[in-house]
Protein backbone atom coordinates (compact mmCIF):
# COMPACT_ATOMS: atom_id res chain seq x y z
CA MET A 1 0.12 -0.06 0.00
CA LYS A 2 1.21 3.59 -0.81
CA LYS A 3 2.05 5.71 2.12
CA TYR A 4 1.06 9.25 2.02
CA THR A 5 2.42 11.91 4.33
CA TYR A 6 2.30 15.52 4.88
CA THR A 7 4.65 18.44 6.17
CA GLU A 8 2.02 21.10 6.34
CA LYS A 9 -1.64 21.68 6.86
CA GLN A 10 -3.51 24.49 5.25
CA ASP A 11 -6.84 25.37 4.25
CA THR A 12 -8.58 24.76 0.84
CA ARG A 13 -9.78 28.27 0.76
CA SER A 14 -6.29 29.55 0.64
CA GLY A 15 -5.71 27.20 -2.13
CA PHE A 16 -8.59 28.87 -4.18
CA GLY A 17 -7.16 32.46 -3.40
CA ALA A 18 -3.62 31.39 -4.60
CA GLY A 19 -5.27 30.03 -7.84
CA LEU A 20 -7.32 32.98 -8.43
CA ALA A 21 -4.05 35.19 -7.83
CA GLU A 22 -2.27 33.12 -10.39
CA LEU A 23 -5.18 33.43 -13.11
CA GLY A 24 -5.07 37.33 -12.28
CA LYS A 25 -1.64 37.39 -13.87
CA THR A 26 -2.30 34.89 -16.49
CA ASN A 27 -5.87 35.48 -17.92
CA GLU A 28 -6.84 38.83 -18.33
CA LYS A 29 -10.58 37.55 -18.80
CA VAL A 30 -10.97 36.59 -15.38
CA VAL A 31 -12.89 38.97 -13.13
CA ALA A 32 -13.90 38.15 -9.33
CA LEU A 33 -16.90 39.07 -7.43
CA CYS A 34 -17.51 38.75 -3.54
CA ALA A 35 -20.46 39.26 -1.32
CA ASP A 36 -18.63 41.03 1.58
CA LEU A 37 -16.33 38.06 2.54
CA THR A 38 -13.11 38.83 0.81
CA PRO A 39 -10.92 37.84 3.75
CA SER A 40 -12.55 34.79 4.20
CA LEU A 41 -12.51 33.85 0.63
CA LYS A 42 -8.60 34.82 0.33
CA MET A 43 -9.23 37.24 -2.40
CA ALA A 44 -6.78 39.85 -1.21
CA ASP A 45 -3.94 39.01 -3.40
CA PHE A 46 -6.31 39.24 -6.76
CA ILE A 47 -7.79 42.20 -5.54
CA GLU A 48 -4.42 44.14 -4.91
CA ALA A 49 -3.05 43.14 -8.42
CA ASN A 50 -6.08 43.58 -10.25
CA PRO A 51 -8.49 46.33 -8.59
CA GLU A 52 -10.10 47.01 -11.75
CA ARG A 53 -11.33 43.61 -12.31
CA PHE A 54 -12.76 43.04 -8.70
CA PHE A 55 -16.49 43.91 -7.76
CA GLN A 56 -17.69 44.10 -4.12
CA THR A 57 -21.04 43.52 -4.22
CA GLY A 58 -21.91 43.56 -0.55
CA ILE A 59 -24.50 41.24 1.22
CA ALA A 60 -26.36 40.99 -2.00
CA GLU A 61 -25.54 37.49 -3.19
CA ALA A 62 -28.58 37.14 -5.56
CA ASN A 63 -27.33 40.48 -7.38
CA MET A 64 -23.89 39.12 -7.54
CA MET A 65 -24.87 36.04 -9.49
CA GLY A 66 -26.86 38.37 -11.88
CA MET A 67 -23.92 40.61 -12.40
CA ALA A 68 -21.90 37.46 -13.08
CA ALA A 69 -24.11 36.36 -15.51
CA GLY A 70 -24.11 39.53 -17.37
CA LEU A 71 -20.27 39.94 -17.35
CA THR A 72 -20.18 36.54 -19.45
CA ILE A 73 -21.96 38.26 -22.14
CA GLY A 74 -18.94 40.64 -22.46
CA GLY A 75 -16.56 37.42 -22.72
CA TYR A 76 -15.29 37.78 -19.04
CA ILE A 77 -14.95 34.86 -16.95
CA PRO A 78 -16.59 35.67 -13.36
CA PHE A 79 -15.49 34.00 -10.29
CA THR A 80 -18.16 34.55 -7.56
CA GLY A 81 -17.10 34.24 -3.90
CA THR A 82 -18.97 33.64 -0.66
CA PHE A 83 -19.87 30.99 1.76
CA ALA A 84 -21.36 27.84 0.34
CA ASN A 85 -24.54 27.90 2.00
CA PHE A 86 -24.92 31.73 0.58
CA SER A 87 -23.43 30.54 -2.89
CA THR A 88 -26.37 28.02 -3.59
CA GLY A 89 -29.31 27.89 -1.05
CA ARG A 90 -29.88 31.68 -0.76
CA VAL A 91 -29.33 31.94 -4.72
CA TYR A 92 -30.74 28.93 -6.21
CA ASP A 93 -33.39 30.64 -8.25
CA GLN A 94 -30.86 33.22 -9.67
CA ILE A 95 -28.34 30.27 -10.68
CA ARG A 96 -30.86 28.21 -12.13
CA GLN A 97 -32.51 30.82 -14.15
CA SER A 98 -29.57 33.32 -15.09
CA ILE A 99 -26.55 30.94 -15.23
CA ALA A 100 -27.49 27.29 -15.55
CA TYR A 101 -30.57 27.50 -17.95
CA SER A 102 -28.48 29.55 -20.33
CA GLY A 103 -25.18 27.76 -19.75
CA LYS A 104 -23.40 30.97 -18.74
CA ASN A 105 -19.58 30.62 -17.92
CA VAL A 106 -19.70 31.54 -14.20
CA LYS A 107 -17.52 29.79 -11.97
CA ILE A 108 -19.52 29.76 -8.56
CA CYS A 109 -16.60 29.48 -5.80
CA ALA A 110 -17.89 28.42 -2.48
CA SER A 111 -15.88 28.42 0.79
CA HIS A 112 -16.80 27.36 4.47
CA ALA A 113 -18.73 23.94 3.02
CA GLY A 114 -19.94 21.16 5.08
CA LEU A 115 -19.79 20.63 8.73
CA THR A 116 -16.29 21.96 9.28
CA LEU A 117 -17.28 25.33 9.07
CA GLY A 118 -17.43 24.54 12.88
CA GLU A 119 -18.35 26.95 15.47
CA ASP A 120 -20.45 29.38 13.26
CA GLY A 121 -23.19 26.63 13.30
CA ALA A 122 -26.17 25.07 11.18
CA THR A 123 -27.32 28.19 9.85
CA HIS A 124 -24.00 28.75 7.97
CA GLN A 125 -23.11 25.27 7.42
CA ILE A 126 -24.56 23.62 4.34
CA LEU A 127 -25.02 19.81 3.75
CA GLU A 128 -27.38 19.93 0.68
CA ASP A 129 -25.31 22.03 -1.88
CA ILE A 130 -23.64 19.05 -3.96
CA GLY A 131 -27.31 17.74 -4.30
CA LEU A 132 -28.70 21.16 -5.30
CA MET A 133 -25.95 21.91 -7.84
CA LYS A 134 -25.55 18.43 -9.48
CA MET A 135 -29.26 18.48 -10.32
CA LEU A 136 -28.81 21.57 -12.39
CA PRO A 137 -28.38 20.66 -15.97
CA GLY A 138 -25.03 21.48 -17.46
CA MET A 139 -23.41 22.38 -13.88
CA THR A 140 -20.05 20.94 -13.39
CA VAL A 141 -19.74 20.19 -9.71
CA ILE A 142 -15.93 19.98 -7.90
CA ASN A 143 -14.83 19.25 -4.56
CA PRO A 144 -11.06 18.82 -4.12
CA CYS A 145 -9.25 17.58 -1.09
CA ASP A 146 -6.36 19.71 -0.23
CA TYR A 147 -4.78 23.01 -0.77
CA ASN A 148 -2.70 22.05 -3.98
CA GLN A 149 -5.66 20.27 -5.63
CA THR A 150 -7.82 23.36 -4.84
CA LYS A 151 -5.45 25.79 -6.30
CA ALA A 152 -5.09 23.39 -9.42
CA ALA A 153 -8.74 23.26 -10.02
CA THR A 154 -9.43 26.80 -9.67
CA ILE A 155 -7.01 27.47 -12.36
CA ALA A 156 -8.35 24.69 -14.60
CA ILE A 157 -12.08 25.87 -14.19
CA ALA A 158 -11.00 29.14 -15.91
CA GLU A 159 -10.21 27.02 -19.33
CA TYR A 160 -13.45 25.13 -19.16
CA GLU A 161 -16.19 26.52 -21.00
CA GLY A 162 -19.62 26.31 -18.95
CA PRO A 163 -20.89 26.96 -15.26
CA VAL A 164 -19.01 25.40 -12.59
CA TYR A 165 -19.63 24.89 -8.73
CA LEU A 166 -16.23 24.78 -6.90
CA ARG A 167 -16.61 23.90 -3.26
CA PHE A 168 -14.00 24.18 -0.51
CA GLY A 169 -13.54 24.77 3.13
CA ARG A 170 -12.37 26.81 6.11
CA PRO A 171 -10.41 24.12 8.46
CA LYS A 172 -6.34 23.51 7.58
CA VAL A 173 -6.11 20.00 6.41
CA PRO A 174 -2.93 17.91 5.35
CA ILE A 175 -1.41 18.81 1.86
CA PHE A 176 -0.61 15.62 0.19
CA THR A 177 -1.31 16.14 -3.49
CA PRO A 178 1.55 17.26 -5.92
CA VAL A 179 2.33 20.91 -6.04
CA ASP A 180 2.41 21.25 -9.76
CA GLN A 181 -0.52 18.85 -10.72
CA LYS A 182 -2.51 18.59 -13.70
CA PHE A 183 -6.32 18.95 -12.74
CA GLU A 184 -8.48 16.97 -15.15
CA ILE A 185 -12.17 17.63 -14.71
CA GLY A 186 -14.10 14.48 -14.61
CA LYS A 187 -11.10 12.34 -14.02
CA ALA A 188 -11.00 9.92 -10.70
CA ILE A 189 -7.58 9.64 -8.99
CA MET A 190 -6.45 6.24 -7.98
CA LEU A 191 -4.64 6.70 -4.73
CA ASN A 192 -4.11 2.91 -3.62
CA GLU A 193 -5.14 -0.30 -5.24
CA GLY A 194 -6.70 -2.98 -3.21
CA THR A 195 -8.74 -5.96 -3.61
CA ASP A 196 -11.32 -6.19 -0.84
CA VAL A 197 -13.43 -3.11 -0.56
CA THR A 198 -13.72 0.05 -2.70
CA ILE A 199 -13.54 3.49 -0.67
CA ILE A 200 -14.72 6.60 -2.75
CA ALA A 201 -13.90 9.71 -1.05
CA THR A 202 -14.43 13.47 -1.87
CA GLY A 203 -13.09 16.92 -0.24
CA HIS A 204 -11.90 16.65 3.53
CA LEU A 205 -12.89 13.06 3.59
CA VAL A 206 -10.17 11.82 1.02
CA TRP A 207 -7.29 12.30 3.84
CA GLU A 208 -9.66 10.48 6.13
CA ALA A 209 -10.00 7.55 3.63
CA ILE A 210 -6.23 7.15 3.24
CA LYS A 211 -5.95 7.00 6.99
CA ALA A 212 -8.51 4.51 7.18
CA GLY A 213 -6.90 2.48 4.31
CA GLU A 214 -3.71 2.19 6.60
CA ALA A 215 -5.89 0.98 9.59
CA LEU A 216 -7.43 -1.57 7.39
CA GLU A 217 -4.11 -2.87 6.03
CA GLU A 218 -3.12 -3.46 9.61
CA LYS A 219 -6.24 -5.65 9.89
CA GLY A 220 -5.26 -7.65 6.62
CA ILE A 221 -7.94 -5.86 4.58
CA SER A 222 -6.98 -4.38 1.34
CA ALA A 223 -8.56 -1.23 0.61
CA GLU A 224 -8.73 0.40 -2.95
CA ILE A 225 -9.00 4.09 -2.43
CA ILE A 226 -10.11 6.72 -4.92
CA ASN A 227 -10.41 10.61 -4.91
CA ILE A 228 -13.43 11.53 -6.59
CA HIS A 229 -12.79 15.45 -6.90
CA THR A 230 -15.22 16.00 -9.72
CA ILE A 231 -18.84 14.73 -8.66
CA LYS A 232 -20.44 15.96 -12.11
CA PRO A 233 -19.39 14.61 -14.72
CA LEU A 234 -18.75 11.63 -12.37
CA ASP A 235 -15.85 9.13 -13.34
CA GLU A 236 -18.16 6.14 -13.80
CA GLU A 237 -15.70 3.90 -15.69
CA ALA A 238 -13.25 4.18 -12.61
CA ILE A 239 -16.04 3.44 -10.11
CA ILE A 240 -17.24 0.42 -12.33
CA LYS A 241 -13.82 -0.79 -12.83
CA SER A 242 -12.86 -0.68 -9.11
CA VAL A 243 -16.05 -2.10 -7.85
CA LYS A 244 -16.14 -5.00 -10.48
CA LYS A 245 -12.63 -6.14 -8.63
CA THR A 246 -13.47 -5.57 -5.02
CA GLY A 247 -17.20 -6.64 -4.96
CA CYS A 248 -18.46 -3.83 -2.32
CA VAL A 249 -17.93 -0.05 -2.00
CA VAL A 250 -17.78 2.63 0.82
CA SER A 251 -18.39 6.40 -0.22
CA ALA A 252 -17.31 9.11 1.92
CA GLU A 253 -18.29 12.89 1.90
CA GLU A 254 -18.80 15.76 4.02
CA HIS A 255 -22.52 16.08 2.86
CA ASN A 256 -25.77 14.70 3.55
CA PHE A 257 -26.15 10.93 2.17
CA LEU A 258 -29.13 12.37 0.26
CA GLY A 259 -28.36 13.91 -2.99
CA GLY A 260 -24.62 13.77 -2.52
CA LEU A 261 -21.62 11.62 -3.91
CA GLY A 262 -22.94 8.52 -2.51
CA GLU A 263 -26.09 8.85 -4.54
CA SER A 264 -24.30 9.14 -7.61
CA VAL A 265 -22.17 6.31 -6.95
CA ALA A 266 -25.12 4.05 -6.18
CA ARG A 267 -27.05 5.00 -9.40
CA THR A 268 -23.85 4.17 -11.06
CA LEU A 269 -23.74 0.69 -9.78
CA ALA A 270 -27.55 0.31 -10.11
CA GLU A 271 -27.14 0.84 -13.60
CA HIS A 272 -23.83 -1.08 -14.47
CA GLN A 273 -22.35 -3.09 -11.55
CA PRO A 274 -24.62 -3.81 -8.52
CA ALA A 275 -22.91 -4.20 -5.29
CA PRO A 276 -23.17 -3.70 -1.46
CA GLN A 277 -22.63 0.05 -0.43
CA GLU A 278 -22.16 1.93 2.68
CA PHE A 279 -22.51 5.63 3.28
CA ILE A 280 -20.31 7.95 5.20
CA ALA A 281 -22.35 11.07 5.22
CA THR A 282 -24.61 12.90 7.36
CA LYS A 283 -27.91 11.36 7.68
CA ASP A 284 -30.40 13.70 6.82
CA THR A 285 -29.77 16.23 9.56
CA PHE A 286 -28.60 19.89 10.00
CA GLY A 287 -25.30 20.29 11.93
CA GLU A 288 -24.43 22.39 15.02
CA SER A 289 -21.76 24.50 16.57
CA GLY A 290 -18.52 22.66 17.39
CA THR A 291 -15.06 22.37 16.27
CA PRO A 292 -14.44 20.49 13.10
CA GLU A 293 -12.82 17.61 14.89
CA GLN A 294 -16.00 17.28 17.34
CA LEU A 295 -18.31 17.77 14.72
CA MET A 296 -16.78 14.93 12.29
CA GLU A 297 -16.55 12.71 15.10
CA LYS A 298 -20.24 13.19 16.04
CA TYR A 299 -21.75 12.77 12.71
CA GLY A 300 -19.15 9.85 11.86
CA LEU A 301 -17.18 11.49 9.11
CA ASN A 302 -13.78 10.13 9.97
CA ALA A 303 -11.25 7.62 9.33
CA GLU A 304 -12.73 5.48 11.98
CA ALA A 305 -16.11 5.67 10.54
CA ILE A 306 -14.74 4.57 7.30
CA VAL A 307 -13.05 1.72 8.74
CA ALA A 308 -16.36 0.17 10.48
CA ALA A 309 -18.16 0.81 7.32
CA SER A 310 -15.65 -0.99 5.38
CA GLU A 311 -15.74 -4.10 7.61
CA LYS A 312 -19.51 -3.97 7.61
CA VAL A 313 -19.87 -3.79 3.65
CA ILE A 314 -17.50 -6.64 3.18
CA LYS A 315 -19.67 -8.93 5.28
CA ARG A 316 -22.53 -8.16 3.01
CA LYS A 317 -20.59 -9.29 -0.25
């Protein structure tokens, strides 16, 4: 089993900020909009270098989405920035009508996603956003796992024509992917090959899946671990190939099990390769206040939960 290590932790939102700053230097069509949360979205470097390409909309997220849609008509590539809750739930009508329906080239960049927003609590956490966005026709949905991958994804989506939802987070998490990686939209990444169980993870749960794989190896269980950074379009070929070999799967995400990555995996398997599946996700609930670690443990979104689910699903084969 391949061993993964890290030398530092960093928040994925800072990866977005670094990617946006890089785009400011390399792509003159990129513009940024923010709903009064520039420090939280790490947009300072882009704004300092490109003040004429930044629009502060204030706490008016619906207007921000409309402005972004309009900017695409002039050939610009707008990146909107606010918390995931306000990037989706608050402005779903504007996204559906003004961006998705007409295929506008808007990049909806959403920070503080999931439970790990932490102490701000349930009103600011969102566990439904992946479902909301993946159901919009033509919307690409991306959920990278660490700083380096988020930076690479931010840069990559500027070259992609069409609406994108890019989801990232607040807490500092291990950096374990390559610095100068090529981000391929819709292409899963095989982290470890195995024979007993497939673990498919996204976002913050990828590192937890790696830790779970190590723990399972100590138990004599061979886990195949796949990083699904693009939830839509889903790399169905990679999923089918893996589950055909292992015969069972665990999906892991910081999201409601209704409407998330796990359901997309289940649909794929139902159509092409029926197999037992266990879901690591929140179970139809809102979050609450607490540290990220406390919340991940309480809601079963960590390596220990993945290990238990893997052992359970293997017995169902």
